[in-house]
Amino acid sequence: MVDTSKIREHMPVVGSDDGHVGTVDHLDGQRIKLTRTDPEAEGRHHFLHVDSIDAVEDGKVKLNRTCAQAKDEWGTAE
């Protein structure tokens, strides 16, 4: 299990392919809430479950799935 206490606001979130998924807004329970102002967000908040995280290192949240897979799986909120 990843130490989620290392996750900070405004950290980039990248897929296992280093593709940009989003930017951390904050942790919301067992989910990462991504900013809605990120170009990938299309004006909506998106959520990723912490089980998607492979590591928090080099100032980034790195996922255990590709950018495209993460975007297929994320939940949204207006």
PDB file of N, CA and C in Angstrom:
ATOM      1  N   MET A   1       0.850  -1.187   0.000  1.00  0.00           N
ATOM      2  CA  MET A   1       0.000   0.000   0.000  1.00  0.00           C
ATOM      3  C   MET A   1       0.891   1.245   0.000  1.00  0.00           C
ATOM      4  N   VAL A   2       0.525   2.210  -0.773  1.00  0.00           N
ATOM      5  CA  VAL A   2       1.268   3.454  -0.906  1.00  0.00           C
ATOM      6  C   VAL A   2       0.972   4.367   0.292  1.00  0.00           C
ATOM      7  N   ASP A   3       1.969   5.107   0.739  1.00  0.00           N
ATOM      8  CA  ASP A   3       1.801   6.073   1.815  1.00  0.00           C
ATOM      9  C   ASP A   3       1.149   7.330   1.240  1.00  0.00           C
ATOM     10  N   THR A   4      -0.157   7.449   1.407  1.00  0.00           N
ATOM     11  CA  THR A   4      -0.891   8.566   0.827  1.00  0.00           C
ATOM     12  C   THR A   4      -0.597   9.890   1.527  1.00  0.00           C
ATOM     13  N   SER A   5       0.053   9.848   2.683  1.00  0.00           N
ATOM     14  CA  SER A   5       0.395  11.101   3.371  1.00  0.00           C
ATOM     15  C   SER A   5       1.436  11.904   2.588  1.00  0.00           C
ATOM     16  N   LYS A   6       2.082  11.276   1.618  1.00  0.00           N
ATOM     17  CA  LYS A   6       3.070  11.962   0.778  1.00  0.00           C
ATOM     18  C   LYS A   6       2.426  12.762  -0.355  1.00  0.00           C
ATOM     19  N   ILE A   7       1.137  12.544  -0.585  1.00  0.00           N
ATOM     20  CA  ILE A   7       0.437  13.227  -1.673  1.00  0.00           C
ATOM     21  C   ILE A   7       0.127  14.657  -1.251  1.00  0.00           C
ATOM     22  N   ARG A   8       0.487  15.602  -2.100  1.00  0.00           N
ATOM     23  CA  ARG A   8       0.295  17.026  -1.830  1.00  0.00           C
ATOM     24  C   ARG A   8      -0.545  17.664  -2.931  1.00  0.00           C
ATOM     25  N   GLU A   9      -1.210  18.753  -2.576  1.00  0.00           N
ATOM     26  CA  GLU A   9      -1.972  19.511  -3.563  1.00  0.00           C
ATOM     27  C   GLU A   9      -1.052  19.964  -4.683  1.00  0.00           C
ATOM     28  N   HIS A  10      -1.587  19.972  -5.877  1.00  0.00           N
ATOM     29  CA  HIS A  10      -0.924  20.452  -7.088  1.00  0.00           C
ATOM     30  C   HIS A  10       0.179  19.529  -7.614  1.00  0.00           C
ATOM     31  N   MET A  11       0.283  18.312  -7.065  1.00  0.00           N
ATOM     32  CA  MET A  11       1.225  17.339  -7.627  1.00  0.00           C
ATOM     33  C   MET A  11       0.662  16.831  -8.948  1.00  0.00           C
ATOM     34  N   PRO A  12       1.512  16.662  -9.957  1.00  0.00           N
ATOM     35  CA  PRO A  12       1.035  16.043 -11.185  1.00  0.00           C
ATOM     36  C   PRO A  12       0.761  14.557 -10.967  1.00  0.00           C
ATOM     37  N   VAL A  13      -0.236  14.046 -11.665  1.00  0.00           N
ATOM     38  CA  VAL A  13      -0.569  12.620 -11.645  1.00  0.00           C
ATOM     39  C   VAL A  13      -0.270  12.083 -13.034  1.00  0.00           C
ATOM     40  N   VAL A  14       0.567  11.046 -13.105  1.00  0.00           N
ATOM     41  CA  VAL A  14       0.966  10.484 -14.390  1.00  0.00           C
ATOM     42  C   VAL A  14       0.681   8.993 -14.439  1.00  0.00           C
ATOM     43  N   GLY A  15       0.421   8.513 -15.642  1.00  0.00           N
ATOM     44  CA  GLY A  15       0.206   7.094 -15.852  1.00  0.00           C
ATOM     45  C   GLY A  15       1.519   6.334 -15.892  1.00  0.00           C
ATOM     46  N   SER A  16       1.427   5.008 -15.960  1.00  0.00           N
ATOM     47  CA  SER A  16       2.622   4.167 -16.033  1.00  0.00           C
ATOM     48  C   SER A  16       3.408   4.428 -17.305  1.00  0.00           C
ATOM     49  N   ASP A  17       2.764   5.056 -18.285  1.00  0.00           N
ATOM     50  CA  ASP A  17       3.408   5.429 -19.546  1.00  0.00           C
ATOM     51  C   ASP A  17       3.926   6.872 -19.505  1.00  0.00           C
ATOM     52  N   ASP A  18       3.916   7.485 -18.317  1.00  0.00           N
ATOM     53  CA  ASP A  18       4.324   8.876 -18.078  1.00  0.00           C
ATOM     54  C   ASP A  18       3.398   9.903 -18.719  1.00  0.00           C
ATOM     55  N   GLY A  19       2.237   9.487 -19.190  1.00  0.00           N
ATOM     56  CA  GLY A  19       1.256  10.420 -19.734  1.00  0.00           C
ATOM     57  C   GLY A  19       0.569  11.189 -18.617  1.00  0.00           C
ATOM     58  N   HIS A  20       0.324  12.481 -18.848  1.00  0.00           N
ATOM     59  CA  HIS A  20      -0.312  13.337 -17.850  1.00  0.00           C
ATOM     60  C   HIS A  20      -1.792  12.969 -17.696  1.00  0.00           C
ATOM     61  N   VAL A  21      -2.182  12.640 -16.467  1.00  0.00           N
ATOM     62  CA  VAL A  21      -3.573  12.308 -16.168  1.00  0.00           C
ATOM     63  C   VAL A  21      -4.293  13.512 -15.570  1.00  0.00           C
ATOM     64  N   GLY A  22      -3.615  14.226 -14.679  1.00  0.00           N
ATOM     65  CA  GLY A  22      -4.242  15.369 -14.032  1.00  0.00           C
ATOM     66  C   GLY A  22      -3.340  15.945 -12.968  1.00  0.00           C
ATOM     67  N   THR A  23      -3.944  16.786 -12.119  1.00  0.00           N
ATOM     68  CA  THR A  23      -3.238  17.457 -11.034  1.00  0.00           C
ATOM     69  C   THR A  23      -4.051  17.272  -9.759  1.00  0.00           C
ATOM     70  N   VAL A  24      -3.377  16.921  -8.668  1.00  0.00           N
ATOM     71  CA  VAL A  24      -4.060  16.669  -7.393  1.00  0.00           C
ATOM     72  C   VAL A  24      -4.699  17.951  -6.874  1.00  0.00           C
ATOM     73  N   ASP A  25      -5.984  17.862  -6.563  1.00  0.00           N
ATOM     74  CA  ASP A  25      -6.681  18.916  -5.817  1.00  0.00           C
ATOM     75  C   ASP A  25      -6.497  18.598  -4.333  1.00  0.00           C
ATOM     76  N   HIS A  26      -6.938  17.397  -3.919  1.00  0.00           N
ATOM     77  CA  HIS A  26      -6.726  16.915  -2.553  1.00  0.00           C
ATOM     78  C   HIS A  26      -7.172  15.460  -2.453  1.00  0.00           C
ATOM     79  N   LEU A  27      -6.850  14.844  -1.314  1.00  0.00           N
ATOM     80  CA  LEU A  27      -7.350  13.502  -1.031  1.00  0.00           C
ATOM     81  C   LEU A  27      -8.759  13.619  -0.485  1.00  0.00           C
ATOM     82  N   ASP A  28      -9.625  12.733  -0.941  1.00  0.00           N
ATOM     83  CA  ASP A  28     -11.017  12.703  -0.506  1.00  0.00           C
ATOM     84  C   ASP A  28     -11.310  11.269  -0.078  1.00  0.00           C
ATOM     85  N   GLY A  29     -10.956  10.945   1.171  1.00  0.00           N
ATOM     86  CA  GLY A  29     -11.093   9.569   1.640  1.00  0.00           C
ATOM     87  C   GLY A  29     -10.095   8.670   0.932  1.00  0.00           C
ATOM     88  N   GLN A  30     -10.587   7.665   0.228  1.00  0.00           N
ATOM     89  CA  GLN A  30      -9.743   6.722  -0.499  1.00  0.00           C
ATOM     90  C   GLN A  30      -9.628   7.087  -1.980  1.00  0.00           C
ATOM     91  N   ARG A  31      -9.891   8.345  -2.289  1.00  0.00           N
ATOM     92  CA  ARG A  31      -9.805   8.800  -3.674  1.00  0.00           C
ATOM     93  C   ARG A  31      -8.952  10.055  -3.767  1.00  0.00           C
ATOM     94  N   ILE A  32      -8.315  10.223  -4.912  1.00  0.00           N
ATOM     95  CA  ILE A  32      -7.626  11.468  -5.218  1.00  0.00           C
ATOM     96  C   ILE A  32      -8.600  12.299  -6.037  1.00  0.00           C
ATOM     97  N   LYS A  33      -8.858  13.507  -5.580  1.00  0.00           N
ATOM     98  CA  LYS A  33      -9.684  14.433  -6.353  1.00  0.00           C
ATOM     99  C   LYS A  33      -8.735  15.262  -7.199  1.00  0.00           C
ATOM    100  N   LEU A  34      -8.950  15.293  -8.492  1.00  0.00           N
ATOM    101  CA  LEU A  34      -8.114  16.052  -9.411  1.00  0.00           C
ATOM    102  C   LEU A  34      -8.726  17.426  -9.659  1.00  0.00           C
ATOM    103  N   THR A  35      -7.867  18.406  -9.934  1.00  0.00           N
ATOM    104  CA  THR A  35      -8.360  19.764 -10.177  1.00  0.00           C
ATOM    105  C   THR A  35      -9.214  19.803 -11.443  1.00  0.00           C
ATOM    106  N   ARG A  36     -10.181  20.663 -11.439  1.00  0.00           N
ATOM    107  CA  ARG A  36     -11.027  20.795 -12.627  1.00  0.00           C
ATOM    108  C   ARG A  36     -10.464  21.827 -13.603  1.00  0.00           C
ATOM    109  N   THR A  37      -9.435  22.564 -13.181  1.00  0.00           N
ATOM    110  CA  THR A  37      -8.827  23.571 -14.055  1.00  0.00           C
ATOM    111  C   THR A  37      -7.711  22.992 -14.921  1.00  0.00           C
ATOM    112  N   ASP A  38      -7.348  21.739 -14.708  1.00  0.00           N
ATOM    113  CA  ASP A  38      -6.330  21.086 -15.520  1.00  0.00           C
ATOM    114  C   ASP A  38      -6.854  20.946 -16.954  1.00  0.00           C
ATOM    115  N   PRO A  39      -5.998  21.114 -17.953  1.00  0.00           N
ATOM    116  CA  PRO A  39      -6.473  20.985 -19.344  1.00  0.00           C
ATOM    117  C   PRO A  39      -7.163  19.652 -19.657  1.00  0.00           C
ATOM    118  N   GLU A  40      -6.772  18.581 -18.973  1.00  0.00           N
ATOM    119  CA  GLU A  40      -7.383  17.268 -19.209  1.00  0.00           C
ATOM    120  C   GLU A  40      -8.771  17.130 -18.584  1.00  0.00           C
ATOM    121  N   ALA A  41      -9.109  18.014 -17.656  1.00  0.00           N
ATOM    122  CA  ALA A  41     -10.315  17.856 -16.840  1.00  0.00           C
ATOM    123  C   ALA A  41     -11.604  18.318 -17.505  1.00  0.00           C
ATOM    124  N   GLU A  42     -11.508  19.151 -18.518  1.00  0.00           N
ATOM    125  CA  GLU A  42     -12.682  19.661 -19.214  1.00  0.00           C
ATOM    126  C   GLU A  42     -13.673  20.339 -18.254  1.00  0.00           C
ATOM    127  N   GLY A  43     -13.121  21.043 -17.248  1.00  0.00           N
ATOM    128  CA  GLY A  43     -13.958  21.809 -16.336  1.00  0.00           C
ATOM    129  C   GLY A  43     -14.660  21.017 -15.250  1.00  0.00           C
ATOM    130  N   ARG A  44     -14.310  19.739 -15.083  1.00  0.00           N
ATOM    131  CA  ARG A  44     -14.951  18.906 -14.058  1.00  0.00           C
ATOM    132  C   ARG A  44     -13.890  18.262 -13.177  1.00  0.00           C
ATOM    133  N   HIS A  45     -14.255  18.056 -11.918  1.00  0.00           N
ATOM    134  CA  HIS A  45     -13.374  17.298 -11.028  1.00  0.00           C
ATOM    135  C   HIS A  45     -13.461  15.822 -11.411  1.00  0.00           C
ATOM    136  N   HIS A  46     -12.325  15.144 -11.363  1.00  0.00           N
ATOM    137  CA  HIS A  46     -12.276  13.703 -11.597  1.00  0.00           C
ATOM    138  C   HIS A  46     -11.669  13.048 -10.373  1.00  0.00           C
ATOM    139  N   PHE A  47     -11.987  11.782 -10.168  1.00  0.00           N
ATOM    140  CA  PHE A  47     -11.520  11.051  -8.999  1.00  0.00           C
ATOM    141  C   PHE A  47     -10.855   9.749  -9.424  1.00  0.00           C
ATOM    142  N   LEU A  48      -9.767   9.416  -8.731  1.00  0.00           N
ATOM    143  CA  LEU A  48      -9.078   8.145  -8.923  1.00  0.00           C
ATOM    144  C   LEU A  48      -8.941   7.479  -7.562  1.00  0.00           C
ATOM    145  N   HIS A  49      -9.194   6.182  -7.495  1.00  0.00           N
ATOM    146  CA  HIS A  49      -9.054   5.456  -6.235  1.00  0.00           C
ATOM    147  C   HIS A  49      -7.576   5.287  -5.911  1.00  0.00           C
ATOM    148  N   VAL A  50      -7.242   5.324  -4.629  1.00  0.00           N
ATOM    149  CA  VAL A  50      -5.837   5.205  -4.237  1.00  0.00           C
ATOM    150  C   VAL A  50      -5.231   3.860  -4.622  1.00  0.00           C
ATOM    151  N   ASP A  51      -6.038   2.854  -4.895  1.00  0.00           N
ATOM    152  CA  ASP A  51      -5.516   1.566  -5.373  1.00  0.00           C
ATOM    153  C   ASP A  51      -4.839   1.704  -6.738  1.00  0.00           C
ATOM    154  N   SER A  52      -5.096   2.804  -7.438  1.00  0.00           N
ATOM    155  CA  SER A  52      -4.492   3.063  -8.748  1.00  0.00           C
ATOM    156  C   SER A  52      -3.049   3.551  -8.635  1.00  0.00           C
ATOM    157  N   ILE A  53      -2.622   3.915  -7.426  1.00  0.00           N
ATOM    158  CA  ILE A  53      -1.304   4.521  -7.241  1.00  0.00           C
ATOM    159  C   ILE A  53      -0.230   3.447  -7.129  1.00  0.00           C
ATOM    160  N   ASP A  54       0.822   3.623  -7.921  1.00  0.00           N
ATOM    161  CA  ASP A  54       1.987   2.742  -7.837  1.00  0.00           C
ATOM    162  C   ASP A  54       3.017   3.329  -6.878  1.00  0.00           C
ATOM    163  N   ALA A  55       3.238   4.647  -6.951  1.00  0.00           N
ATOM    164  CA  ALA A  55       4.246   5.294  -6.112  1.00  0.00           C
ATOM    165  C   ALA A  55       4.001   6.797  -6.058  1.00  0.00           C
ATOM    166  N   VAL A  56       4.522   7.401  -5.006  1.00  0.00           N
ATOM    167  CA  VAL A  56       4.564   8.854  -4.904  1.00  0.00           C
ATOM    168  C   VAL A  56       6.040   9.192  -4.778  1.00  0.00           C
ATOM    169  N   GLU A  57       6.612   9.680  -5.885  1.00  0.00           N
ATOM    170  CA  GLU A  57       8.049   9.951  -5.908  1.00  0.00           C
ATOM    171  C   GLU A  57       8.365  11.003  -6.947  1.00  0.00           C
ATOM    172  N   ASP A  58       9.509  11.634  -6.778  1.00  0.00           N
ATOM    173  CA  ASP A  58       9.967  12.672  -7.707  1.00  0.00           C
ATOM    174  C   ASP A  58       8.938  13.784  -7.885  1.00  0.00           C
ATOM    175  N   GLY A  59       8.159  14.050  -6.830  1.00  0.00           N
ATOM    176  CA  GLY A  59       7.169  15.118  -6.889  1.00  0.00           C
ATOM    177  C   GLY A  59       5.948  14.789  -7.709  1.00  0.00           C
ATOM    178  N   LYS A  60       5.733  13.490  -8.001  1.00  0.00           N
ATOM    179  CA  LYS A  60       4.595  13.066  -8.824  1.00  0.00           C
ATOM    180  C   LYS A  60       3.868  11.897  -8.176  1.00  0.00           C
ATOM    181  N   VAL A  61       2.589  11.775  -8.511  1.00  0.00           N
ATOM    182  CA  VAL A  61       1.824  10.581  -8.183  1.00  0.00           C
ATOM    183  C   VAL A  61       1.856   9.711  -9.433  1.00  0.00           C
ATOM    184  N   LYS A  62       2.473   8.544  -9.312  1.00  0.00           N
ATOM    185  CA  LYS A  62       2.600   7.638 -10.458  1.00  0.00           C
ATOM    186  C   LYS A  62       1.595   6.505 -10.308  1.00  0.00           C
ATOM    187  N   LEU A  63       0.838   6.279 -11.365  1.00  0.00           N
ATOM    188  CA  LEU A  63      -0.214   5.264 -11.340  1.00  0.00           C
ATOM    189  C   LEU A  63       0.296   3.921 -11.844  1.00  0.00           C
ATOM    190  N   ASN A  64      -0.453   2.872 -11.521  1.00  0.00           N
ATOM    191  CA  ASN A  64      -0.117   1.526 -11.974  1.00  0.00           C
ATOM    192  C   ASN A  64      -0.897   1.146 -13.229  1.00  0.00           C
ATOM    193  N   ARG A  65      -1.352   2.116 -13.945  1.00  0.00           N
ATOM    194  CA  ARG A  65      -2.072   1.931 -15.208  1.00  0.00           C
ATOM    195  C   ARG A  65      -1.693   3.088 -16.128  1.00  0.00           C
ATOM    196  N   THR A  66      -1.925   2.911 -17.401  1.00  0.00           N
ATOM    197  CA  THR A  66      -1.569   3.953 -18.357  1.00  0.00           C
ATOM    198  C   THR A  66      -2.501   5.156 -18.202  1.00  0.00           C
ATOM    199  N   CYS A  67      -2.111   6.235 -18.817  1.00  0.00           N
ATOM    200  CA  CYS A  67      -2.922   7.446 -18.812  1.00  0.00           C
ATOM    201  C   CYS A  67      -4.320   7.156 -19.370  1.00  0.00           C
ATOM    202  N   ALA A  68      -4.378   6.470 -20.494  1.00  0.00           N
ATOM    203  CA  ALA A  68      -5.668   6.161 -21.127  1.00  0.00           C
ATOM    204  C   ALA A  68      -6.526   5.269 -20.230  1.00  0.00           C
ATOM    205  N   GLN A  69      -5.922   4.269 -19.587  1.00  0.00           N
ATOM    206  CA  GLN A  69      -6.680   3.406 -18.684  1.00  0.00           C
ATOM    207  C   GLN A  69      -7.235   4.197 -17.506  1.00  0.00           C
ATOM    208  N   ALA A  70      -6.425   5.092 -16.943  1.00  0.00           N
ATOM    209  CA  ALA A  70      -6.875   5.900 -15.809  1.00  0.00           C
ATOM    210  C   ALA A  70      -8.066   6.764 -16.202  1.00  0.00           C
ATOM    211  N   LYS A  71      -7.997   7.364 -17.371  1.00  0.00           N
ATOM    212  CA  LYS A  71      -9.095   8.226 -17.826  1.00  0.00           C
ATOM    213  C   LYS A  71     -10.361   7.421 -18.122  1.00  0.00           C
ATOM    214  N   ASP A  72     -10.203   6.178 -18.541  1.00  0.00           N
ATOM    215  CA  ASP A  72     -11.366   5.311 -18.755  1.00  0.00           C
ATOM    216  C   ASP A  72     -12.052   4.957 -17.436  1.00  0.00           C
ATOM    217  N   GLU A  73     -11.261   4.938 -16.348  1.00  0.00           N
ATOM    218  CA  GLU A  73     -11.768   4.469 -15.061  1.00  0.00           C
ATOM    219  C   GLU A  73     -12.195   5.599 -14.108  1.00  0.00           C
ATOM    220  N   TRP A  74     -11.759   6.844 -14.367  1.00  0.00           N
ATOM    221  CA  TRP A  74     -12.010   7.874 -13.363  1.00  0.00           C
ATOM    222  C   TRP A  74     -13.481   8.220 -13.250  1.00  0.00           C
ATOM    223  N   GLY A  75     -13.870   8.607 -12.040  1.00  0.00           N
ATOM    224  CA  GLY A  75     -15.214   9.097 -11.794  1.00  0.00           C
ATOM    225  C   GLY A  75     -15.224  10.601 -11.939  1.00  0.00           C
ATOM    226  N   THR A  76     -16.386  11.190 -12.158  1.00  0.00           N
ATOM    227  CA  THR A  76     -16.470  12.642 -12.351  1.00  0.00           C
ATOM    228  C   THR A  76     -17.446  13.273 -11.374  1.00  0.00           C
ATOM    229  N   ALA A  77     -17.276  14.566 -11.199  1.00  0.00           N
ATOM    230  CA  ALA A  77     -18.211  15.373 -10.412  1.00  0.00           C
ATOM    231  C   ALA A  77     -18.232  16.760 -11.036  1.00  0.00           C
ATOM    232  N   GLU A  78     -19.367  17.349 -11.131  1.00  0.00           N
ATOM    233  CA  GLU A  78     -19.509  18.689 -11.718  1.00  0.00           C
ATOM    234  C   GLU A  78     -18.991  19.732 -10.777  1.00  0.00           C
TER     235      GLU A  78
END
